[in-house]
C-alpha atoms as a PDB file:
ATOM      1  CA  UNK A   1      -0.020   0.191   0.021  1.00  0.00           C
ATOM      2  CA  UNK A   2       1.340   3.587  -1.022  1.00  0.00           C
ATOM      3  CA  UNK A   3       1.730   5.443   2.308  1.00  0.00           C
ATOM      4  CA  UNK A   4       2.039   8.984   0.869  1.00  0.00           C
ATOM      5  CA  UNK A   5       0.235  11.253   0.032  1.00  0.00           C
ATOM      6  CA  UNK A   6       1.314  14.373  -2.477  1.00  0.00           C
ATOM      7  CA  UNK A   7      -1.363  17.054  -1.829  1.00  0.00           C
ATOM      8  CA  UNK A   8      -1.110  19.185   1.032  1.00  0.00           C
ATOM      9  CA  UNK A   9      -4.829  20.440   0.752  1.00  0.00           C
ATOM     10  CA  UNK A  10      -7.016  19.812   3.293  1.00  0.00           C
ATOM     11  CA  UNK A  11      -9.022  16.911   3.543  1.00  0.00           C
ATOM     12  CA  UNK A  12     -13.039  16.632   4.149  1.00  0.00           C
ATOM     13  CA  UNK A  13     -13.665  13.054   4.987  1.00  0.00           C
ATOM     14  CA  UNK A  14     -17.392  13.594   4.075  1.00  0.00           C
ATOM     15  CA  UNK A  15     -16.554  13.719   0.605  1.00  0.00           C
ATOM     16  CA  UNK A  16     -14.546  10.804   0.454  1.00  0.00           C
ATOM     17  CA  UNK A  17     -15.172   7.170  -0.707  1.00  0.00           C
ATOM     18  CA  UNK A  18     -15.097   5.107   2.068  1.00  0.00           C
ATOM     19  CA  UNK A  19     -12.025   3.125   0.887  1.00  0.00           C
ATOM     20  CA  UNK A  20     -10.439   6.203   0.329  1.00  0.00           C
ATOM     21  CA  UNK A  21     -10.739   7.431   3.613  1.00  0.00           C
ATOM     22  CA  UNK A  22      -9.801   4.105   4.966  1.00  0.00           C
ATOM     23  CA  UNK A  23      -6.713   4.721   2.786  1.00  0.00           C
ATOM     24  CA  UNK A  24      -5.998   8.025   4.535  1.00  0.00           C
ATOM     25  CA  UNK A  25      -6.649   6.767   8.027  1.00  0.00           C
ATOM     26  CA  UNK A  26      -4.196   3.998   7.495  1.00  0.00           C
ATOM     27  CA  UNK A  27      -1.414   6.117   6.369  1.00  0.00           C
ATOM     28  CA  UNK A  28      -1.937   8.686   9.005  1.00  0.00           C
ATOM     29  CA  UNK A  29      -1.766   5.450  11.612  1.00  0.00           C
ATOM     30  CA  UNK A  30       1.332   3.512  10.010  1.00  0.00           C
ATOM     31  CA  UNK A  31       2.572   7.110  10.456  1.00  0.00           C
ATOM     32  CA  UNK A  32       2.926   6.774  14.340  1.00  0.00           C
ATOM     33  CA  UNK A  33       2.925   2.802  14.233  1.00  0.00           C
ATOM     34  CA  UNK A  34       6.556   2.155  15.709  1.00  0.00           C
ATOM     35  CA  UNK A  35       5.859  -1.244  17.028  1.00  0.00           C
ATOM     36  CA  UNK A  36       4.449  -2.364  13.612  1.00  0.00           C
ATOM     37  CA  UNK A  37       7.240  -0.675  11.862  1.00  0.00           C
ATOM     38  CA  UNK A  38      10.104  -2.296  14.124  1.00  0.00           C
ATOM     39  CA  UNK A  39       8.798  -5.520  13.508  1.00  0.00           C
ATOM     40  CA  UNK A  40       9.313  -5.445   9.526  1.00  0.00           C
ATOM     41  CA  UNK A  41       5.287  -5.392   8.945  1.00  0.00           C
ATOM     42  CA  UNK A  42       4.548  -4.577   5.699  1.00  0.00           C
ATOM     43  CA  UNK A  43       0.618  -2.737   5.431  1.00  0.00           C
ATOM     44  CA  UNK A  44      -0.629  -4.584   1.980  1.00  0.00           C
ATOM     45  CA  UNK A  45      -3.978  -3.317   1.571  1.00  0.00           C
ATOM     46  CA  UNK A  46      -6.564  -1.607   3.854  1.00  0.00           C
ATOM     47  CA  UNK A  47     -10.558  -0.533   3.163  1.00  0.00           C
ATOM     48  CA  UNK A  48     -13.481   0.230   5.251  1.00  0.00           C
ATOM     49  CA  UNK A  49     -13.635  -2.508   7.473  1.00  0.00           C
ATOM     50  CA  UNK A  50     -10.868  -4.394   5.991  1.00  0.00           C
ATOM     51  CA  UNK A  51      -6.747  -4.926   6.575  1.00  0.00           C
ATOM     52  CA  UNK A  52      -4.216  -7.222   5.246  1.00  0.00           C
ATOM     53  CA  UNK A  53      -0.810  -6.918   6.737  1.00  0.00           C
ATOM     54  CA  UNK A  54       2.355  -9.188   6.031  1.00  0.00           C
ATOM     55  CA  UNK A  55       5.457 -10.057   8.548  1.00  0.00           C
ATOM     56  CA  UNK A  56       8.092 -12.090   7.729  1.00  0.00           C
ATOM     57  CA  UNK A  57       9.396 -14.604  10.507  1.00  0.00           C
ATOM     58  CA  UNK A  58      12.965 -13.668  11.641  1.00  0.00           C
ATOM     59  CA  UNK A  59      15.358 -15.652  14.033  1.00  0.00           C
ATOM     60  CA  UNK A  60      15.108 -12.945  16.963  1.00  0.00           C
ATOM     61  CA  UNK A  61      10.996 -14.002  16.705  1.00  0.00           C
ATOM     62  CA  UNK A  62      11.656 -17.770  17.188  1.00  0.00           C
ATOM     63  CA  UNK A  63      11.375 -19.441  20.792  1.00  0.00           C
ATOM     64  CA  UNK A  64      12.827 -22.268  22.538  1.00  0.00           C
ATOM     65  CA  UNK A  65      11.260 -24.564  20.301  1.00  0.00           C
ATOM     66  CA  UNK A  66      12.827 -23.384  17.672  1.00  0.00           C
ATOM     67  CA  UNK A  67       9.051 -21.780  16.153  1.00  0.00           C
ATOM     68  CA  UNK A  68       7.342 -18.320  16.023  1.00  0.00           C
ATOM     69  CA  UNK A  69       6.818 -17.101  19.141  1.00  0.00           C
ATOM     70  CA  UNK A  70       3.078 -16.921  19.646  1.00  0.00           C
ATOM     71  CA  UNK A  71       3.080 -13.141  20.735  1.00  0.00           C
ATOM     72  CA  UNK A  72       4.467 -12.053  17.503  1.00  0.00           C
ATOM     73  CA  UNK A  73       1.574 -13.627  15.614  1.00  0.00           C
ATOM     74  CA  UNK A  74      -0.502 -12.032  17.879  1.00  0.00           C
ATOM     75  CA  UNK A  75       1.140  -8.768  17.385  1.00  0.00           C
ATOM     76  CA  UNK A  76       0.800  -9.283  13.774  1.00  0.00           C
ATOM     77  CA  UNK A  77      -3.396 -10.185  13.807  1.00  0.00           C
ATOM     78  CA  UNK A  78      -3.520  -7.057  16.448  1.00  0.00           C
ATOM     79  CA  UNK A  79      -2.194  -4.897  14.347  1.00  0.00           C
ATOM     80  CA  UNK A  80      -4.291  -5.767  11.477  1.00  0.00           C
ATOM     81  CA  UNK A  81      -7.121  -5.713  13.752  1.00  0.00           C
ATOM     82  CA  UNK A  82      -6.009  -2.060  14.440  1.00  0.00           C
ATOM     83  CA  UNK A  83      -6.161  -1.200  10.962  1.00  0.00           C
ATOM     84  CA  UNK A  84      -9.482  -2.648  10.275  1.00  0.00           C
ATOM     85  CA  UNK A  85     -11.075  -1.128  12.796  1.00  0.00           C
ATOM     86  CA  UNK A  86      -9.908   2.186  12.599  1.00  0.00           C
ATOM     87  CA  UNK A  87     -10.648   2.257   8.809  1.00  0.00           C
ATOM     88  CA  UNK A  88     -13.677   4.168   9.301  1.00  0.00           C
ATOM     89  CA  UNK A  89     -12.293   7.213  10.912  1.00  0.00           C
ATOM     90  CA  UNK A  90     -13.754   6.931  14.738  1.00  0.00           C
ATOM     91  CA  UNK A  91     -10.751   6.286  16.700  1.00  0.00           C
ATOM     92  CA  UNK A  92     -11.155   2.309  18.135  1.00  0.00           C
ATOM     93  CA  UNK A  93      -8.973   0.577  20.173  1.00  0.00           C
ATOM     94  CA  UNK A  94      -9.225  -3.154  21.340  1.00  0.00           C
ATOM     95  CA  UNK A  95     -11.645  -3.910  24.112  1.00  0.00           C
ATOM     96  CA  UNK A  96     -10.781  -8.133  23.942  1.00  0.00           C
ATOM     97  CA  UNK A  97      -8.970 -10.375  22.054  1.00  0.00           C
ATOM     98  CA  UNK A  98      -8.285 -13.969  21.441  1.00  0.00           C
ATOM     99  CA  UNK A  99      -6.369 -16.005  19.499  1.00  0.00           C
ATOM    100  CA  UNK A 100      -5.951 -19.659  18.267  1.00  0.00           C
ATOM    101  CA  UNK A 101      -3.072 -21.138  17.107  1.00  0.00           C
ATOM    102  CA  UNK A 102      -3.785 -23.546  14.729  1.00  0.00           C
ATOM    103  CA  UNK A 103       0.086 -24.092  13.239  1.00  0.00           C
ATOM    104  CA  UNK A 104       3.660 -23.282  14.313  1.00  0.00           C
ATOM    105  CA  UNK A 105       5.467 -20.868  12.187  1.00  0.00           C
ATOM    106  CA  UNK A 106       9.541 -20.926  11.356  1.00  0.00           C
ATOM    107  CA  UNK A 107      12.287 -18.702  10.801  1.00  0.00           C
ATOM    108  CA  UNK A 108      11.830 -17.641   7.366  1.00  0.00           C
ATOM    109  CA  UNK A 109       8.149 -17.946   6.748  1.00  0.00           C
ATOM    110  CA  UNK A 110       6.229 -14.696   5.671  1.00  0.00           C
ATOM    111  CA  UNK A 111       2.816 -14.699   7.549  1.00  0.00           C
ATOM    112  CA  UNK A 112      -0.303 -12.414   6.408  1.00  0.00           C
ATOM    113  CA  UNK A 113      -3.067 -11.564   8.745  1.00  0.00           C
ATOM    114  CA  UNK A 114      -6.375 -10.407   6.638  1.00  0.00           C
ATOM    115  CA  UNK A 115      -8.776  -8.916   9.024  1.00  0.00           C
ATOM    116  CA  UNK A 116     -12.678  -8.558   8.054  1.00  0.00           C
ATOM    117  CA  UNK A 117     -15.246  -6.858   9.956  1.00  0.00           C
ATOM    118  CA  UNK A 118     -18.235  -8.660  11.068  1.00  0.00           C
ATOM    119  CA  UNK A 119     -19.968  -6.474  13.255  1.00  0.00           C
ATOM    120  CA  UNK A 120     -20.132  -2.439  13.580  1.00  0.00           C
ATOM    121  CA  UNK A 121     -22.906  -1.228  15.633  1.00  0.00           C
ATOM    122  CA  UNK A 122     -23.151   1.449  18.144  1.00  0.00           C
ATOM    123  CA  UNK A 123     -19.578   1.562  19.850  1.00  0.00           C
ATOM    124  CA  UNK A 124     -18.769  -1.847  19.440  1.00  0.00           C
ATOM    125  CA  UNK A 125     -17.501  -3.790  16.732  1.00  0.00           C
ATOM    126  CA  UNK A 126     -16.398  -7.646  15.768  1.00  0.00           C
ATOM    127  CA  UNK A 127     -13.337  -8.261  13.776  1.00  0.00           C
ATOM    128  CA  UNK A 128     -12.033 -11.623  12.466  1.00  0.00           C
ATOM    129  CA  UNK A 129      -8.189 -12.011  11.451  1.00  0.00           C
ATOM    130  CA  UNK A 130      -6.877 -15.453   9.479  1.00  0.00           C
ATOM    131  CA  UNK A 131      -3.325 -15.592   9.604  1.00  0.00           C
ATOM    132  CA  UNK A 132      -1.594 -17.727   7.044  1.00  0.00           C
ATOM    133  CA  UNK A 133       1.983 -18.399   5.787  1.00  0.00           C
ATOM    134  CA  UNK A 134       3.508 -18.014   2.486  1.00  0.00           C
ATOM    135  CA  UNK A 135       2.038 -21.086   0.954  1.00  0.00           C
ATOM    136  CA  UNK A 136      -1.556 -20.157   2.282  1.00  0.00           C
ATOM    137  CA  UNK A 137      -1.350 -22.618   5.312  1.00  0.00           C
ATOM    138  CA  UNK A 138      -3.437 -21.530   8.631  1.00  0.00           C
ATOM    139  CA  UNK A 139      -1.234 -20.558  11.204  1.00  0.00           C
ATOM    140  CA  UNK A 140      -4.074 -18.511  13.800  1.00  0.00           C
ATOM    141  CA  UNK A 141      -7.541 -17.283  13.954  1.00  0.00           C
ATOM    142  CA  UNK A 142      -7.994 -13.901  15.820  1.00  0.00           C
ATOM    143  CA  UNK A 143     -11.020 -12.210  17.097  1.00  0.00           C
ATOM    144  CA  UNK A 144     -10.893  -8.613  18.361  1.00  0.00           C
ATOM    145  CA  UNK A 145     -13.711  -6.668  19.665  1.00  0.00           C
ATOM    146  CA  UNK A 146     -13.081  -2.995  19.301  1.00  0.00           C
ATOM    147  CA  UNK A 147     -14.342   0.131  21.196  1.00  0.00           C
ATOM    148  CA  UNK A 148     -14.767   3.451  19.539  1.00  0.00           C
ATOM    149  CA  UNK A 149     -13.163   5.843  21.745  1.00  0.00           C
ATOM    150  CA  UNK A 150     -13.379  10.468  21.019  1.00  0.00           C
ATOM    151  CA  UNK A 151     -12.016  11.554  17.965  1.00  0.00           C
ATOM    152  CA  UNK A 152     -11.188  10.892  14.293  1.00  0.00           C
ATOM    153  CA  UNK A 153      -7.640  10.626  12.188  1.00  0.00           C
ATOM    154  CA  UNK A 154      -9.164  12.710   9.629  1.00  0.00           C
ATOM    155  CA  UNK A 155     -10.988  15.642  11.149  1.00  0.00           C
ATOM    156  CA  UNK A 156     -13.604  18.164   8.530  1.00  0.00           C
ATOM    157  CA  UNK A 157     -11.741  21.071   7.434  1.00  0.00           C
ATOM    158  CA  UNK A 158     -12.193  24.084  10.012  1.00  0.00           C
ATOM    159  CA  UNK A 159     -15.636  25.858   9.402  1.00  0.00           C
ATOM    160  CA  UNK A 160     -17.317  22.488   8.411  1.00  0.00           C
ATOM    161  CA  UNK A 161     -20.033  20.327  10.861  1.00  0.00           C
ATOM    162  CA  UNK A 162     -18.883  17.092  10.645  1.00  0.00           C
ATOM    163  CA  UNK A 163     -22.463  16.222  10.302  1.00  0.00           C
ATOM    164  CA  UNK A 164     -23.028  18.446   7.360  1.00  0.00           C
END
């Protein structure tokens, strides 16, 4: 995903398509997401209610069994969850999350998490992430429940009411 924007003109979220708004939100989130960047993750795609992120498994991500530490798989799924649940331009955080480890991953594997919104109403959302390896093999299933908080990533230009 191209995380650069060339225009410095103010953006009006009300005039943007849901997917264009999701892409702009993702760009702004990515700029401040040091943890995701430090782990070598790559944001592949974001649209309204959806995100896909890839992460290569390095030697320093393996545990005493010689397999990828589950915490790194959780981080990948959780980062994907964050981009999916914030894609509507309403700031959201995790209220809860759980992961089911299906298979192990190893140094040199490339994991991809795909997150899909299942339900969004009021202040709550439910998102499912599938983590697969480079062959498409299922590695983990993650479900996150989001809660919206105050604020937006893309604020309406000064003088415009967000509901106009």
